[in-house]
Amino acid sequence: ALIHEPASPADLPDGSSPPPENDREPAWPPPDPADVRRR
């Protein structure tokens, strides 16, 4: 998927995730417990 969304001032300076040389893997954000309870 390629999700087009509005830009945010909080985006990374170069507009992308850390490069693949970086050892840190991407990850899904933790779920919001309140949202899960609402649903």
ModelCIF file with pLDDT and N, C-alpha, C, O atoms, coordinates in Angstrom:
data_MODEL
#
_entry.id   MODEL 
#
_entity.id                         1 
_entity.type                       polymer 
_entity.pdbx_number_of_molecules   1 
#
_entity_poly.entity_id                      1 
_entity_poly.type                           'polypeptide(L)' 
_entity_poly.nstd_linkage                   no 
_entity_poly.nstd_monomer                   no 
_entity_poly.pdbx_seq_one_letter_code       ALIHEPASPADLPDGSSPPPENDREPAWPPPDPADVRRR 
_entity_poly.pdbx_seq_one_letter_code_can   ALIHEPASPADLPDGSSPPPENDREPAWPPPDPADVRRR 
_entity_poly.pdbx_strand_id                 A 
#
loop_
_entity_poly_seq.entity_id 
_entity_poly_seq.num 
_entity_poly_seq.mon_id 
_entity_poly_seq.hetero 
1 1  ALA n 
1 2  LEU n 
1 3  ILE n 
1 4  HIS n 
1 5  GLU n 
1 6  PRO n 
1 7  ALA n 
1 8  SER n 
1 9  PRO n 
1 10 ALA n 
1 11 ASP n 
1 12 LEU n 
1 13 PRO n 
1 14 ASP n 
1 15 GLY n 
1 16 SER n 
1 17 SER n 
1 18 PRO n 
1 19 PRO n 
1 20 PRO n 
1 21 GLU n 
1 22 ASN n 
1 23 ASP n 
1 24 ARG n 
1 25 GLU n 
1 26 PRO n 
1 27 ALA n 
1 28 TRP n 
1 29 PRO n 
1 30 PRO n 
1 31 PRO n 
1 32 ASP n 
1 33 PRO n 
1 34 ALA n 
1 35 ASP n 
1 36 VAL n 
1 37 ARG n 
1 38 ARG n 
1 39 ARG n 
#
_struct_asym.id          A 
_struct_asym.entity_id   1 
#
loop_
_ma_qa_metric.id 
_ma_qa_metric.mode 
_ma_qa_metric.name 
_ma_qa_metric.software_group_id 
_ma_qa_metric.type 
1 global pLDDT . pLDDT 
2 local  pLDDT . pLDDT 
#
_ma_qa_metric_global.metric_id      1 
_ma_qa_metric_global.metric_value   74.13 
_ma_qa_metric_global.model_id       1 
_ma_qa_metric_global.ordinal_id     1 
#
loop_
_ma_qa_metric_local.label_asym_id 
_ma_qa_metric_local.label_comp_id 
_ma_qa_metric_local.label_seq_id 
_ma_qa_metric_local.metric_id 
_ma_qa_metric_local.metric_value 
_ma_qa_metric_local.model_id 
_ma_qa_metric_local.ordinal_id 
A ALA 1  2 97.00 1 1  
A LEU 2  2 97.00 1 2  
A ILE 3  2 96.00 1 3  
A HIS 4  2 94.00 1 4  
A GLU 5  2 90.00 1 5  
A PRO 6  2 80.00 1 6  
A ALA 7  2 68.00 1 7  
A SER 8  2 57.00 1 8  
A PRO 9  2 46.00 1 9  
A ALA 10 2 50.00 1 10 
A ASP 11 2 47.00 1 11 
A LEU 12 2 46.00 1 12 
A PRO 13 2 48.00 1 13 
A ASP 14 2 48.00 1 14 
A GLY 15 2 50.00 1 15 
A SER 16 2 50.00 1 16 
A SER 17 2 47.00 1 17 
A PRO 18 2 45.00 1 18 
A PRO 19 2 49.00 1 19 
A PRO 20 2 48.00 1 20 
A GLU 21 2 47.00 1 21 
A ASN 22 2 53.00 1 22 
A ASP 23 2 54.00 1 23 
A ARG 24 2 70.00 1 24 
A GLU 25 2 79.00 1 25 
A PRO 26 2 92.00 1 26 
A ALA 27 2 92.00 1 27 
A TRP 28 2 94.00 1 28 
A PRO 29 2 94.00 1 29 
A PRO 30 2 94.00 1 30 
A PRO 31 2 95.00 1 31 
A ASP 32 2 96.00 1 32 
A PRO 33 2 97.00 1 33 
A ALA 34 2 97.00 1 34 
A ASP 35 2 97.00 1 35 
A VAL 36 2 97.00 1 36 
A ARG 37 2 97.00 1 37 
A ARG 38 2 97.00 1 38 
A ARG 39 2 96.00 1 39 
#
loop_
_atom_site.group_PDB 
_atom_site.id 
_atom_site.type_symbol 
_atom_site.label_atom_id 
_atom_site.label_alt_id 
_atom_site.label_comp_id 
_atom_site.label_asym_id 
_atom_site.label_entity_id 
_atom_site.label_seq_id 
_atom_site.pdbx_PDB_ins_code 
_atom_site.Cartn_x 
_atom_site.Cartn_y 
_atom_site.Cartn_z 
_atom_site.occupancy 
_atom_site.B_iso_or_equiv 
_atom_site.pdbx_formal_charge 
_atom_site.auth_seq_id 
_atom_site.auth_comp_id 
_atom_site.auth_asym_id 
_atom_site.auth_atom_id 
_atom_site.pdbx_PDB_model_num 
ATOM 1   N N  . ALA A 1 1  ? 0.845   -1.193 0.000  1.00 97.00 ? 1  ALA A N  1 
ATOM 2   C CA . ALA A 1 1  ? 0.000   0.000  0.000  1.00 97.00 ? 1  ALA A CA 1 
ATOM 3   C C  . ALA A 1 1  ? 0.880   1.241  0.000  1.00 97.00 ? 1  ALA A C  1 
ATOM 4   O O  . ALA A 1 1  ? 1.933   1.272  0.636  1.00 97.00 ? 1  ALA A O  1 
ATOM 5   N N  . LEU A 1 2  ? 0.435   2.261  -0.719 1.00 97.00 ? 2  LEU A N  1 
ATOM 6   C CA . LEU A 1 2  ? 1.036   3.593  -0.660 1.00 97.00 ? 2  LEU A CA 1 
ATOM 7   C C  . LEU A 1 2  ? -0.075  4.560  -0.281 1.00 97.00 ? 2  LEU A C  1 
ATOM 8   O O  . LEU A 1 2  ? -0.952  4.870  -1.088 1.00 97.00 ? 2  LEU A O  1 
ATOM 9   N N  . ILE A 1 3  ? -0.023  5.026  0.944  1.00 96.00 ? 3  ILE A N  1 
ATOM 10  C CA . ILE A 1 3  ? -1.089  5.858  1.494  1.00 96.00 ? 3  ILE A CA 1 
ATOM 11  C C  . ILE A 1 3  ? -0.670  7.315  1.393  1.00 96.00 ? 3  ILE A C  1 
ATOM 12  O O  . ILE A 1 3  ? 0.287   7.736  2.043  1.00 96.00 ? 3  ILE A O  1 
ATOM 13  N N  . HIS A 1 4  ? -1.380  8.079  0.586  1.00 94.00 ? 4  HIS A N  1 
ATOM 14  C CA . HIS A 1 4  ? -1.081  9.493  0.421  1.00 94.00 ? 4  HIS A CA 1 
ATOM 15  C C  . HIS A 1 4  ? -1.836  10.275 1.494  1.00 94.00 ? 4  HIS A C  1 
ATOM 16  O O  . HIS A 1 4  ? -3.051  10.140 1.631  1.00 94.00 ? 4  HIS A O  1 
ATOM 17  N N  . GLU A 1 5  ? -1.113  11.084 2.245  1.00 90.00 ? 5  GLU A N  1 
ATOM 18  C CA . GLU A 1 5  ? -1.712  11.803 3.360  1.00 90.00 ? 5  GLU A CA 1 
ATOM 19  C C  . GLU A 1 5  ? -1.076  13.176 3.495  1.00 90.00 ? 5  GLU A C  1 
ATOM 20  O O  . GLU A 1 5  ? 0.003   13.401 2.947  1.00 90.00 ? 5  GLU A O  1 
ATOM 21  N N  . PRO A 1 6  ? -1.702  14.094 4.200  1.00 80.00 ? 6  PRO A N  1 
ATOM 22  C CA . PRO A 1 6  ? -1.137  15.440 4.347  1.00 80.00 ? 6  PRO A CA 1 
ATOM 23  C C  . PRO A 1 6  ? 0.215   15.417 5.039  1.00 80.00 ? 6  PRO A C  1 
ATOM 24  O O  . PRO A 1 6  ? 0.464   14.583 5.910  1.00 80.00 ? 6  PRO A O  1 
ATOM 25  N N  . ALA A 1 7  ? 1.087   16.337 4.645  1.00 68.00 ? 7  ALA A N  1 
ATOM 26  C CA . ALA A 1 7  ? 2.389   16.459 5.301  1.00 68.00 ? 7  ALA A CA 1 
ATOM 27  C C  . ALA A 1 7  ? 2.208   17.055 6.684  1.00 68.00 ? 7  ALA A C  1 
ATOM 28  O O  . ALA A 1 7  ? 1.267   17.809 6.933  1.00 68.00 ? 7  ALA A O  1 
ATOM 29  N N  . SER A 1 8  ? 3.122   16.708 7.581  1.00 57.00 ? 8  SER A N  1 
ATOM 30  C CA . SER A 1 8  ? 3.070   17.206 8.948  1.00 57.00 ? 8  SER A CA 1 
ATOM 31  C C  . SER A 1 8  ? 4.406   17.819 9.321  1.00 57.00 ? 8  SER A C  1 
ATOM 32  O O  . SER A 1 8  ? 5.447   17.303 8.913  1.00 57.00 ? 8  SER A O  1 
ATOM 33  N N  . PRO A 1 9  ? 4.410   18.898 10.080 1.00 46.00 ? 9  PRO A N  1 
ATOM 34  C CA . PRO A 1 9  ? 5.685   19.465 10.536 1.00 46.00 ? 9  PRO A CA 1 
ATOM 35  C C  . PRO A 1 9  ? 6.510   18.485 11.352 1.00 46.00 ? 9  PRO A C  1 
ATOM 36  O O  . PRO A 1 9  ? 7.725   18.640 11.478 1.00 46.00 ? 9  PRO A O  1 
ATOM 37  N N  . ALA A 1 10 ? 5.851   17.481 11.903 1.00 50.00 ? 10 ALA A N  1 
ATOM 38  C CA . ALA A 1 10 ? 6.569   16.516 12.735 1.00 50.00 ? 10 ALA A CA 1 
ATOM 39  C C  . ALA A 1 10 ? 7.248   15.427 11.920 1.00 50.00 ? 10 ALA A C  1 
ATOM 40  O O  . ALA A 1 10 ? 7.944   14.581 12.482 1.00 50.00 ? 10 ALA A O  1 
ATOM 41  N N  . ASP A 1 11 ? 7.055   15.433 10.591 1.00 47.00 ? 11 ASP A N  1 
ATOM 42  C CA . ASP A 1 11 ? 7.687   14.416 9.766  1.00 47.00 ? 11 ASP A CA 1 
ATOM 43  C C  . ASP A 1 11 ? 9.211   14.482 9.891  1.00 47.00 ? 11 ASP A C  1 
ATOM 44  O O  . ASP A 1 11 ? 9.779   15.509 10.261 1.00 47.00 ? 11 ASP A O  1 
ATOM 45  N N  . LEU A 1 12 ? 9.844   13.374 9.576  1.00 46.00 ? 12 LEU A N  1 
ATOM 46  C CA . LEU A 1 12 ? 11.304  13.333 9.608  1.00 46.00 ? 12 LEU A CA 1 
ATOM 47  C C  . LEU A 1 12 ? 11.876  14.375 8.655  1.00 46.00 ? 12 LEU A C  1 
ATOM 48  O O  . LEU A 1 12 ? 11.244  14.693 7.648  1.00 46.00 ? 12 LEU A O  1 
ATOM 49  N N  . PRO A 1 13 ? 13.064  14.918 8.952  1.00 48.00 ? 13 PRO A N  1 
ATOM 50  C CA . PRO A 1 13 ? 13.618  16.008 8.136  1.00 48.00 ? 13 PRO A CA 1 
ATOM 51  C C  . PRO A 1 13 ? 13.706  15.684 6.657  1.00 48.00 ? 13 PRO A C  1 
ATOM 52  O O  . PRO A 1 13 ? 13.446  16.550 5.822  1.00 48.00 ? 13 PRO A O  1 
ATOM 53  N N  . ASP A 1 14 ? 14.071  14.447 6.314  1.00 48.00 ? 14 ASP A N  1 
ATOM 54  C CA . ASP A 1 14 ? 14.198  14.128 4.891  1.00 48.00 ? 14 ASP A CA 1 
ATOM 55  C C  . ASP A 1 14 ? 12.920  13.532 4.328  1.00 48.00 ? 14 ASP A C  1 
ATOM 56  O O  . ASP A 1 14 ? 12.873  13.139 3.162  1.00 48.00 ? 14 ASP A O  1 
ATOM 57  N N  . GLY A 1 15 ? 11.878  13.463 5.158  1.00 50.00 ? 15 GLY A N  1 
ATOM 58  C CA . GLY A 1 15 ? 10.588  12.995 4.667  1.00 50.00 ? 15 GLY A CA 1 
ATOM 59  C C  . GLY A 1 15 ? 10.477  11.507 4.486  1.00 50.00 ? 15 GLY A C  1 
ATOM 60  O O  . GLY A 1 15 ? 9.518   11.040 3.873  1.00 50.00 ? 15 GLY A O  1 
ATOM 61  N N  . SER A 1 16 ? 11.426  10.738 5.000  1.00 50.00 ? 16 SER A N  1 
ATOM 62  C CA . SER A 1 16 ? 11.359  9.297  4.833  1.00 50.00 ? 16 SER A CA 1 
ATOM 63  C C  . SER A 1 16 ? 11.805  8.603  6.102  1.00 50.00 ? 16 SER A C  1 
ATOM 64  O O  . SER A 1 16 ? 12.364  9.228  7.004  1.00 50.00 ? 16 SER A O  1 
ATOM 65  N N  . SER A 1 17 ? 11.554  7.305  6.164  1.00 47.00 ? 17 SER A N  1 
ATOM 66  C CA . SER A 1 17 ? 11.997  6.525  7.303  1.00 47.00 ? 17 SER A CA 1 
ATOM 67  C C  . SER A 1 17 ? 13.514  6.374  7.273  1.00 47.00 ? 17 SER A C  1 
ATOM 68  O O  . SER A 1 17 ? 14.132  6.604  6.234  1.00 47.00 ? 17 SER A O  1 
ATOM 69  N N  . PRO A 1 18 ? 14.130  5.986  8.406  1.00 45.00 ? 18 PRO A N  1 
ATOM 70  C CA . PRO A 1 18 ? 15.585  5.793  8.415  1.00 45.00 ? 18 PRO A CA 1 
ATOM 71  C C  . PRO A 1 18 ? 16.019  4.866  7.289  1.00 45.00 ? 18 PRO A C  1 
ATOM 72  O O  . PRO A 1 18 ? 15.287  3.935  6.954  1.00 45.00 ? 18 PRO A O  1 
ATOM 73  N N  . PRO A 1 19 ? 17.171  5.090  6.705  1.00 49.00 ? 19 PRO A N  1 
ATOM 74  C CA . PRO A 1 19 ? 17.605  4.279  5.564  1.00 49.00 ? 19 PRO A CA 1 
ATOM 75  C C  . PRO A 1 19 ? 17.840  2.833  5.974  1.00 49.00 ? 19 PRO A C  1 
ATOM 76  O O  . PRO A 1 19 ? 18.053  2.550  7.153  1.00 49.00 ? 19 PRO A O  1 
ATOM 77  N N  . PRO A 1 20 ? 17.805  1.906  5.004  1.00 48.00 ? 20 PRO A N  1 
ATOM 78  C CA . PRO A 1 20 ? 17.978  0.495  5.319  1.00 48.00 ? 20 PRO A CA 1 
ATOM 79  C C  . PRO A 1 20 ? 19.282  0.149  6.014  1.00 48.00 ? 20 PRO A C  1 
ATOM 80  O O  . PRO A 1 20 ? 19.382  -0.911 6.633  1.00 48.00 ? 20 PRO A O  1 
ATOM 81  N N  . GLU A 1 21 ? 20.308  1.035  5.928  1.00 47.00 ? 21 GLU A N  1 
ATOM 82  C CA . GLU A 1 21 ? 21.548  0.719  6.660  1.00 47.00 ? 21 GLU A CA 1 
ATOM 83  C C  . GLU A 1 21 ? 21.323  0.776  8.163  1.00 47.00 ? 21 GLU A C  1 
ATOM 84  O O  . GLU A 1 21 ? 22.070  0.173  8.933  1.00 47.00 ? 21 GLU A O  1 
ATOM 85  N N  . ASN A 1 22 ? 20.292  1.501  8.576  1.00 53.00 ? 22 ASN A N  1 
ATOM 86  C CA . ASN A 1 22 ? 19.990  1.614  9.992  1.00 53.00 ? 22 ASN A CA 1 
ATOM 87  C C  . ASN A 1 22 ? 19.477  0.263  10.503 1.00 53.00 ? 22 ASN A C  1 
ATOM 88  O O  . ASN A 1 22 ? 18.640  -0.366 9.856  1.00 53.00 ? 22 ASN A O  1 
ATOM 89  N N  . ASP A 1 23 ? 19.975  -0.180 11.654 1.00 54.00 ? 23 ASP A N  1 
ATOM 90  C CA . ASP A 1 23 ? 19.591  -1.490 12.174 1.00 54.00 ? 23 ASP A CA 1 
ATOM 91  C C  . ASP A 1 23 ? 18.164  -1.505 12.723 1.00 54.00 ? 23 ASP A C  1 
ATOM 92  O O  . ASP A 1 23 ? 17.597  -2.580 12.923 1.00 54.00 ? 23 ASP A O  1 
ATOM 93  N N  . ARG A 1 24 ? 17.585  -0.357 12.964 1.00 70.00 ? 24 ARG A N  1 
ATOM 94  C CA . ARG A 1 24 ? 16.248  -0.319 13.550 1.00 70.00 ? 24 ARG A CA 1 
ATOM 95  C C  . ARG A 1 24 ? 15.200  -0.698 12.512 1.00 70.00 ? 24 ARG A C  1 
ATOM 96  O O  . ARG A 1 24 ? 15.120  -0.086 11.447 1.00 70.00 ? 24 ARG A O  1 
ATOM 97  N N  . GLU A 1 25 ? 14.399  -1.712 12.828 1.00 79.00 ? 25 GLU A N  1 
ATOM 98  C CA . GLU A 1 25 ? 13.350  -2.142 11.922 1.00 79.00 ? 25 GLU A CA 1 
ATOM 99  C C  . GLU A 1 25 ? 12.116  -1.260 12.103 1.00 79.00 ? 25 GLU A C  1 
ATOM 100 O O  . GLU A 1 25 ? 11.863  -0.764 13.201 1.00 79.00 ? 25 GLU A O  1 
ATOM 101 N N  . PRO A 1 26 ? 11.348  -1.064 11.028 1.00 92.00 ? 26 PRO A N  1 
ATOM 102 C CA . PRO A 1 26 ? 10.060  -0.392 11.196 1.00 92.00 ? 26 PRO A CA 1 
ATOM 103 C C  . PRO A 1 26 ? 9.156   -1.217 12.107 1.00 92.00 ? 26 PRO A C  1 
ATOM 104 O O  . PRO A 1 26 ? 9.369   -2.419 12.270 1.00 92.00 ? 26 PRO A O  1 
ATOM 105 N N  . ALA A 1 27 ? 8.163   -0.586 12.693 1.00 92.00 ? 27 ALA A N  1 
ATOM 106 C CA . ALA A 1 27 ? 7.246   -1.297 13.584 1.00 92.00 ? 27 ALA A CA 1 
ATOM 107 C C  . ALA A 1 27 ? 5.902   -0.592 13.579 1.00 92.00 ? 27 ALA A C  1 
ATOM 108 O O  . ALA A 1 27 ? 5.815   0.617  13.362 1.00 92.00 ? 27 ALA A O  1 
ATOM 109 N N  . TRP A 1 28 ? 4.864   -1.363 13.819 1.00 94.00 ? 28 TRP A N  1 
ATOM 110 C CA . TRP A 1 28 ? 3.537   -0.782 13.949 1.00 94.00 ? 28 TRP A CA 1 
ATOM 111 C C  . TRP A 1 28 ? 3.433   -0.059 15.286 1.00 94.00 ? 28 TRP A C  1 
ATOM 112 O O  . TRP A 1 28 ? 3.975   -0.533 16.284 1.00 94.00 ? 28 TRP A O  1 
ATOM 113 N N  . PRO A 1 29 ? 2.753   1.068  15.321 1.00 94.00 ? 29 PRO A N  1 
ATOM 114 C CA . PRO A 1 29 ? 2.558   1.754  16.607 1.00 94.00 ? 29 PRO A CA 1 
ATOM 115 C C  . PRO A 1 29 ? 1.722   0.903  17.538 1.00 94.00 ? 29 PRO A C  1 
ATOM 116 O O  . PRO A 1 29 ? 0.890   0.125  17.072 1.00 94.00 ? 29 PRO A O  1 
ATOM 117 N N  . PRO A 1 30 ? 1.919   1.029  18.845 1.00 94.00 ? 30 PRO A N  1 
ATOM 118 C CA . PRO A 1 30 ? 1.126   0.223  19.785 1.00 94.00 ? 30 PRO A CA 1 
ATOM 119 C C  . PRO A 1 30 ? -0.349  0.598  19.697 1.00 94.00 ? 30 PRO A C  1 
ATOM 120 O O  . PRO A 1 30 ? -0.680  1.752  19.425 1.00 94.00 ? 30 PRO A O  1 
ATOM 121 N N  . PRO A 1 31 ? -1.241  -0.375 19.926 1.00 95.00 ? 31 PRO A N  1 
ATOM 122 C CA . PRO A 1 31 ? -2.666  -0.066 19.861 1.00 95.00 ? 31 PRO A CA 1 
ATOM 123 C C  . PRO A 1 31 ? -3.089  0.843  21.008 1.00 95.00 ? 31 PRO A C  1 
ATOM 124 O O  . PRO A 1 31 ? -2.474  0.850  22.074 1.00 95.00 ? 31 PRO A O  1 
ATOM 125 N N  . ASP A 1 32 ? -4.132  1.597  20.774 1.00 96.00 ? 32 ASP A N  1 
ATOM 126 C CA . ASP A 1 32 ? -4.716  2.457  21.800 1.00 96.00 ? 32 ASP A CA 1 
ATOM 127 C C  . ASP A 1 32 ? -5.742  1.633  22.570 1.00 96.00 ? 32 ASP A C  1 
ATOM 128 O O  . ASP A 1 32 ? -6.799  1.315  22.025 1.00 96.00 ? 32 ASP A O  1 
ATOM 129 N N  . PRO A 1 33 ? -5.462  1.281  23.817 1.00 97.00 ? 33 PRO A N  1 
ATOM 130 C CA . PRO A 1 33 ? -6.402  0.439  24.568 1.00 97.00 ? 33 PRO A CA 1 
ATOM 131 C C  . PRO A 1 33 ? -7.806  1.022  24.632 1.00 97.00 ? 33 PRO A C  1 
ATOM 132 O O  . PRO A 1 33 ? -8.787  0.280  24.562 1.00 97.00 ? 33 PRO A O  1 
ATOM 133 N N  . ALA A 1 34 ? -7.916  2.336  24.763 1.00 97.00 ? 34 ALA A N  1 
ATOM 134 C CA . ALA A 1 34 ? -9.237  2.953  24.841 1.00 97.00 ? 34 ALA A CA 1 
ATOM 135 C C  . ALA A 1 34 ? -10.004 2.756  23.538 1.00 97.00 ? 34 ALA A C  1 
ATOM 136 O O  . ALA A 1 34 ? -11.215 2.535  23.550 1.00 97.00 ? 34 ALA A O  1 
ATOM 137 N N  . ASP A 1 35 ? -9.298  2.836  22.423 1.00 97.00 ? 35 ASP A N  1 
ATOM 138 C CA . ASP A 1 35 ? -9.949  2.642  21.131 1.00 97.00 ? 35 ASP A CA 1 
ATOM 139 C C  . ASP A 1 35 ? -10.425 1.204  20.981 1.00 97.00 ? 35 ASP A C  1 
ATOM 140 O O  . ASP A 1 35 ? -11.530 0.963  20.494 1.00 97.00 ? 35 ASP A O  1 
ATOM 141 N N  . VAL A 1 36 ? -9.604  0.253  21.393 1.00 97.00 ? 36 VAL A N  1 
ATOM 142 C CA . VAL A 1 36 ? -10.003 -1.156 21.317 1.00 97.00 ? 36 VAL A CA 1 
ATOM 143 C C  . VAL A 1 36 ? -11.220 -1.413 22.199 1.00 97.00 ? 36 VAL A C  1 
ATOM 144 O O  . VAL A 1 36 ? -12.130 -2.146 21.815 1.00 97.00 ? 36 VAL A O  1 
ATOM 145 N N  . ARG A 1 37 ? -11.228 -0.811 23.370 1.00 97.00 ? 37 ARG A N  1 
ATOM 146 C CA . ARG A 1 37 ? -12.393 -0.989 24.258 1.00 97.00 ? 37 ARG A CA 1 
ATOM 147 C C  . ARG A 1 37 ? -13.643 -0.390 23.643 1.00 97.00 ? 37 ARG A C  1 
ATOM 148 O O  . ARG A 1 37 ? -14.722 -0.974 23.741 1.00 97.00 ? 37 ARG A O  1 
ATOM 149 N N  . ARG A 1 38 ? -13.512 0.769  23.008 1.00 97.00 ? 38 ARG A N  1 
ATOM 150 C CA . ARG A 1 38 ? -14.677 1.394  22.374 1.00 97.00 ? 38 ARG A CA 1 
ATOM 151 C C  . ARG A 1 38 ? -15.262 0.494  21.297 1.00 97.00 ? 38 ARG A C  1 
ATOM 152 O O  . ARG A 1 38 ? -16.474 0.477  21.077 1.00 97.00 ? 38 ARG A O  1 
ATOM 153 N N  . ARG A 1 39 ? -14.394 -0.249 20.631 1.00 96.00 ? 39 ARG A N  1 
ATOM 154 C CA . ARG A 1 39 ? -14.836 -1.129 19.542 1.00 96.00 ? 39 ARG A CA 1 
ATOM 155 C C  . ARG A 1 39 ? -15.072 -2.555 20.014 1.00 96.00 ? 39 ARG A C  1 
ATOM 156 O O  . ARG A 1 39 ? -15.447 -3.414 19.216 1.00 96.00 ? 39 ARG A O  1 
#
